[in-house]
Amino acid sequence: TELAHLFPQGLSRHGRKGTTPLNLFEGISVGAALALRQTPKLSTRDINQWMASHELKKYTTGATNSRTAVEGRIHFCRDRFLGIKYVPSTKDGN
């Protein structure tokens, strides 16, 4: 229900309506689940900005099924929901 409170109109990038790409949904839902293992409340700080960020887009467009892209979008969202800046791991190839 945490995500339902954050996205009462449904999950989408800020200012865009319609369907949500599966890879964006995956990053946000799995990232939120991982964050909730560490904290009872998700951070909403700058949520519209980071959802529209170039960094998240690079993990959700193009070759999105690569291990780097999958881990990148999940860990990016997890860290943002924890209220911390995402720093790619060197093992992620970034």
N, C-alpha and C. Protein backbone atom coordinates (compact mmCIF):
# COMPACT_ATOMS: atom_id res chain seq x y z
N THR A 1 0.81 -1.21 0.00
CA THR A 1 0.00 0.00 0.00
C THR A 1 0.85 1.26 0.00
N GLU A 2 2.14 1.13 0.32
CA GLU A 2 3.03 2.30 0.27
C GLU A 2 3.04 2.92 -1.12
N LEU A 3 3.16 2.08 -2.14
CA LEU A 3 3.19 2.60 -3.51
C LEU A 3 1.85 3.21 -3.91
N ALA A 4 0.76 2.65 -3.42
CA ALA A 4 -0.55 3.21 -3.73
C ALA A 4 -0.68 4.63 -3.17
N HIS A 5 -0.07 4.89 -2.02
CA HIS A 5 -0.10 6.24 -1.44
C HIS A 5 0.78 7.19 -2.24
N LEU A 6 1.93 6.68 -2.74
CA LEU A 6 2.83 7.53 -3.51
C LEU A 6 2.30 7.84 -4.91
N PHE A 7 1.56 6.90 -5.47
CA PHE A 7 1.05 7.03 -6.84
C PHE A 7 -0.46 6.80 -6.87
N PRO A 8 -1.25 7.72 -6.29
CA PRO A 8 -2.70 7.51 -6.21
C PRO A 8 -3.39 7.43 -7.59
N GLN A 9 -2.78 8.02 -8.61
CA GLN A 9 -3.34 7.97 -9.97
C GLN A 9 -2.73 6.85 -10.80
N GLY A 10 -1.95 6.00 -10.16
CA GLY A 10 -1.27 4.93 -10.87
C GLY A 10 0.17 5.31 -11.16
N LEU A 11 0.93 4.33 -11.49
CA LEU A 11 2.36 4.52 -11.71
C LEU A 11 2.63 5.04 -13.12
N SER A 12 3.29 6.19 -13.21
CA SER A 12 3.71 6.73 -14.50
C SER A 12 4.79 7.77 -14.25
N ARG A 13 5.54 8.04 -15.30
CA ARG A 13 6.52 9.11 -15.19
C ARG A 13 5.76 10.43 -15.08
N HIS A 14 6.31 11.38 -14.35
CA HIS A 14 5.67 12.67 -14.13
C HIS A 14 5.27 13.31 -15.45
N GLY A 15 4.02 13.72 -15.53
CA GLY A 15 3.54 14.42 -16.70
C GLY A 15 3.14 13.54 -17.86
N ARG A 16 3.25 12.24 -17.69
CA ARG A 16 2.89 11.32 -18.77
C ARG A 16 1.73 10.45 -18.33
N LYS A 17 0.82 10.25 -19.24
CA LYS A 17 -0.33 9.40 -18.94
C LYS A 17 -0.29 8.21 -19.88
N GLY A 18 -1.03 7.19 -19.56
CA GLY A 18 -1.07 6.01 -20.41
C GLY A 18 -0.45 4.81 -19.73
N THR A 19 0.06 3.92 -20.53
CA THR A 19 0.62 2.69 -19.97
C THR A 19 2.01 2.94 -19.41
N THR A 20 2.34 2.16 -18.40
CA THR A 20 3.65 2.23 -17.79
C THR A 20 4.50 1.11 -18.35
N PRO A 21 5.69 1.44 -18.87
CA PRO A 21 6.56 0.37 -19.36
C PRO A 21 6.85 -0.66 -18.26
N LEU A 22 6.86 -1.91 -18.64
CA LEU A 22 7.08 -2.99 -17.67
C LEU A 22 8.40 -2.83 -16.93
N ASN A 23 9.44 -2.40 -17.63
CA ASN A 23 10.74 -2.28 -16.96
C ASN A 23 10.75 -1.15 -15.93
N LEU A 24 9.97 -0.10 -16.16
CA LEU A 24 9.85 0.97 -15.16
C LEU A 24 9.07 0.46 -13.95
N PHE A 25 7.98 -0.25 -14.21
CA PHE A 25 7.20 -0.85 -13.13
C PHE A 25 8.07 -1.79 -12.30
N GLU A 26 8.86 -2.61 -12.98
CA GLU A 26 9.75 -3.55 -12.30
C GLU A 26 10.73 -2.81 -11.38
N GLY A 27 11.39 -1.79 -11.90
CA GLY A 27 12.36 -1.05 -11.10
C GLY A 27 11.74 -0.42 -9.87
N ILE A 28 10.58 0.18 -10.04
CA ILE A 28 9.91 0.86 -8.93
C ILE A 28 9.35 -0.14 -7.93
N SER A 29 8.69 -1.16 -8.40
CA SER A 29 8.05 -2.11 -7.46
C SER A 29 9.09 -2.94 -6.71
N VAL A 30 10.08 -3.47 -7.41
CA VAL A 30 11.10 -4.28 -6.72
C VAL A 30 12.00 -3.38 -5.88
N GLY A 31 12.35 -2.21 -6.41
CA GLY A 31 13.15 -1.26 -5.63
C GLY A 31 12.45 -0.84 -4.35
N ALA A 32 11.14 -0.59 -4.43
CA ALA A 32 10.37 -0.23 -3.24
C ALA A 32 10.32 -1.38 -2.24
N ALA A 33 10.14 -2.60 -2.74
CA ALA A 33 10.10 -3.77 -1.84
C ALA A 33 11.43 -3.92 -1.10
N LEU A 34 12.54 -3.74 -1.81
CA LEU A 34 13.85 -3.84 -1.16
C LEU A 34 14.05 -2.72 -0.13
N ALA A 35 13.60 -1.52 -0.47
CA ALA A 35 13.71 -0.39 0.47
C ALA A 35 12.87 -0.65 1.72
N LEU A 36 11.68 -1.20 1.54
CA LEU A 36 10.80 -1.46 2.68
C LEU A 36 11.34 -2.54 3.61
N ARG A 37 12.29 -3.31 3.15
CA ARG A 37 12.96 -4.27 4.04
C ARG A 37 13.87 -3.55 5.04
N GLN A 38 14.27 -2.32 4.66
CA GLN A 38 15.20 -1.56 5.50
C GLN A 38 14.53 -0.44 6.29
N THR A 39 13.37 0.00 5.83
CA THR A 39 12.69 1.11 6.49
C THR A 39 11.17 0.94 6.33
N PRO A 40 10.39 1.39 7.32
CA PRO A 40 8.94 1.22 7.20
C PRO A 40 8.27 2.25 6.29
N LYS A 41 8.97 3.30 5.89
CA LYS A 41 8.38 4.38 5.10
C LYS A 41 9.30 4.73 3.94
N LEU A 42 8.73 4.84 2.75
CA LEU A 42 9.51 5.21 1.57
C LEU A 42 9.69 6.71 1.50
N SER A 43 10.87 7.13 1.08
CA SER A 43 11.13 8.55 0.90
C SER A 43 10.47 9.03 -0.38
N THR A 44 9.83 10.19 -0.32
CA THR A 44 9.21 10.79 -1.50
C THR A 44 10.00 11.99 -1.99
N ARG A 45 11.15 12.22 -1.37
CA ARG A 45 11.96 13.39 -1.71
C ARG A 45 12.34 13.36 -3.20
N ASP A 46 12.01 14.41 -3.90
CA ASP A 46 12.35 14.59 -5.32
C ASP A 46 11.86 13.46 -6.22
N ILE A 47 10.77 12.80 -5.86
CA ILE A 47 10.31 11.64 -6.61
C ILE A 47 10.02 11.97 -8.08
N ASN A 48 9.39 13.09 -8.35
CA ASN A 48 9.09 13.44 -9.74
C ASN A 48 10.37 13.69 -10.54
N GLN A 49 11.36 14.30 -9.89
CA GLN A 49 12.62 14.58 -10.57
C GLN A 49 13.39 13.29 -10.88
N TRP A 50 13.50 12.39 -9.90
CA TRP A 50 14.29 11.20 -10.18
C TRP A 50 13.56 10.23 -11.10
N MET A 51 12.22 10.24 -11.08
CA MET A 51 11.50 9.38 -12.02
C MET A 51 11.66 9.87 -13.46
N ALA A 52 11.88 11.16 -13.65
CA ALA A 52 12.07 11.73 -14.99
C ALA A 52 13.55 11.88 -15.33
N SER A 53 14.43 11.41 -14.46
CA SER A 53 15.86 11.63 -14.65
C SER A 53 16.45 10.83 -15.80
N HIS A 54 17.50 11.38 -16.36
CA HIS A 54 18.24 10.70 -17.41
C HIS A 54 18.81 9.37 -16.90
N GLU A 55 19.24 9.38 -15.66
CA GLU A 55 19.85 8.17 -15.08
C GLU A 55 18.86 7.00 -15.05
N LEU A 56 17.63 7.24 -14.61
CA LEU A 56 16.65 6.15 -14.60
C LEU A 56 16.27 5.77 -16.03
N LYS A 57 16.16 6.75 -16.91
CA LYS A 57 15.81 6.46 -18.30
C LYS A 57 16.85 5.56 -18.97
N LYS A 58 18.12 5.74 -18.61
CA LYS A 58 19.14 4.90 -19.26
C LYS A 58 19.00 3.44 -18.86
N TYR A 59 18.36 3.18 -17.71
CA TYR A 59 18.14 1.80 -17.27
C TYR A 59 16.79 1.24 -17.75
N THR A 60 15.95 2.11 -18.33
CA THR A 60 14.61 1.66 -18.73
C THR A 60 14.35 1.84 -20.22
N THR A 61 15.35 2.22 -20.99
CA THR A 61 15.22 2.32 -22.44
C THR A 61 16.40 1.62 -23.10
N GLY A 62 16.20 1.16 -24.31
CA GLY A 62 17.28 0.48 -25.03
C GLY A 62 17.38 -0.98 -24.63
N ALA A 63 18.59 -1.43 -24.37
CA ALA A 63 18.84 -2.84 -24.00
C ALA A 63 18.48 -3.05 -22.54
N THR A 64 17.18 -3.11 -22.26
CA THR A 64 16.70 -3.10 -20.88
C THR A 64 16.71 -4.44 -20.18
N ASN A 65 16.98 -5.52 -20.90
CA ASN A 65 16.99 -6.83 -20.26
C ASN A 65 18.39 -7.29 -19.88
N SER A 66 19.39 -6.46 -20.11
CA SER A 66 20.74 -6.82 -19.70
C SER A 66 20.81 -6.80 -18.17
N ARG A 67 21.70 -7.58 -17.64
CA ARG A 67 21.85 -7.64 -16.18
C ARG A 67 22.13 -6.25 -15.60
N THR A 68 22.97 -5.49 -16.30
CA THR A 68 23.31 -4.14 -15.84
C THR A 68 22.08 -3.25 -15.75
N ALA A 69 21.22 -3.32 -16.77
CA ALA A 69 20.02 -2.47 -16.78
C ALA A 69 19.03 -2.90 -15.71
N VAL A 70 18.80 -4.19 -15.57
CA VAL A 70 17.85 -4.70 -14.56
C VAL A 70 18.32 -4.32 -13.16
N GLU A 71 19.57 -4.64 -12.85
CA GLU A 71 20.09 -4.29 -11.51
C GLU A 71 20.15 -2.79 -11.32
N GLY A 72 20.51 -2.07 -12.36
CA GLY A 72 20.61 -0.61 -12.27
C GLY A 72 19.29 0.03 -11.91
N ARG A 73 18.21 -0.34 -12.62
CA ARG A 73 16.92 0.30 -12.34
C ARG A 73 16.37 -0.09 -10.97
N ILE A 74 16.57 -1.35 -10.57
CA ILE A 74 16.09 -1.78 -9.26
C ILE A 74 16.86 -1.10 -8.14
N HIS A 75 18.18 -1.08 -8.24
CA HIS A 75 18.99 -0.47 -7.18
C HIS A 75 18.85 1.05 -7.17
N PHE A 76 18.69 1.65 -8.34
CA PHE A 76 18.45 3.09 -8.41
C PHE A 76 17.19 3.45 -7.64
N CYS A 77 16.10 2.75 -7.94
CA CYS A 77 14.82 3.04 -7.26
C CYS A 77 14.90 2.72 -5.78
N ARG A 78 15.51 1.60 -5.43
CA ARG A 78 15.68 1.25 -4.01
C ARG A 78 16.36 2.38 -3.25
N ASP A 79 17.49 2.84 -3.78
CA ASP A 79 18.24 3.89 -3.09
C ASP A 79 17.46 5.19 -3.01
N ARG A 80 16.76 5.54 -4.07
CA ARG A 80 15.97 6.77 -4.03
C ARG A 80 14.82 6.67 -3.04
N PHE A 81 14.20 5.49 -2.93
CA PHE A 81 13.15 5.30 -1.94
C PHE A 81 13.72 5.31 -0.52
N LEU A 82 15.00 5.03 -0.38
CA LEU A 82 15.66 5.13 0.92
C LEU A 82 16.14 6.55 1.20
N GLY A 83 16.00 7.43 0.20
CA GLY A 83 16.40 8.83 0.37
C GLY A 83 17.88 9.06 0.16
N ILE A 84 18.55 8.13 -0.52
CA ILE A 84 19.98 8.28 -0.77
C ILE A 84 20.24 8.32 -2.27
N LYS A 85 21.35 8.93 -2.65
CA LYS A 85 21.73 9.00 -4.05
C LYS A 85 22.26 7.65 -4.50
N TYR A 86 21.85 7.24 -5.67
CA TYR A 86 22.30 5.97 -6.23
C TYR A 86 23.72 6.11 -6.76
N VAL A 87 24.57 5.19 -6.35
CA VAL A 87 25.93 5.12 -6.85
C VAL A 87 26.10 3.74 -7.47
N PRO A 88 26.25 3.67 -8.81
CA PRO A 88 26.38 2.36 -9.44
C PRO A 88 27.57 1.58 -8.90
N SER A 89 27.38 0.29 -8.74
CA SER A 89 28.44 -0.60 -8.30
C SER A 89 29.40 -0.82 -9.45
N THR A 90 30.68 -0.98 -9.15
CA THR A 90 31.66 -1.25 -10.21
C THR A 90 31.40 -2.61 -10.83
N LYS A 91 30.81 -3.54 -10.08
CA LYS A 91 30.50 -4.85 -10.65
C LYS A 91 29.30 -4.80 -11.59
N ASP A 92 28.52 -3.69 -11.55
CA ASP A 92 27.39 -3.52 -12.47
C ASP A 92 27.86 -3.12 -13.86
N GLY A 93 29.14 -2.83 -13.98
CA GLY A 93 29.67 -2.44 -15.28
C GLY A 93 29.44 -0.98 -15.62
N ASN A 94 29.09 -0.18 -14.63
CA ASN A 94 28.85 1.25 -14.86
C ASN A 94 29.98 2.08 -14.32
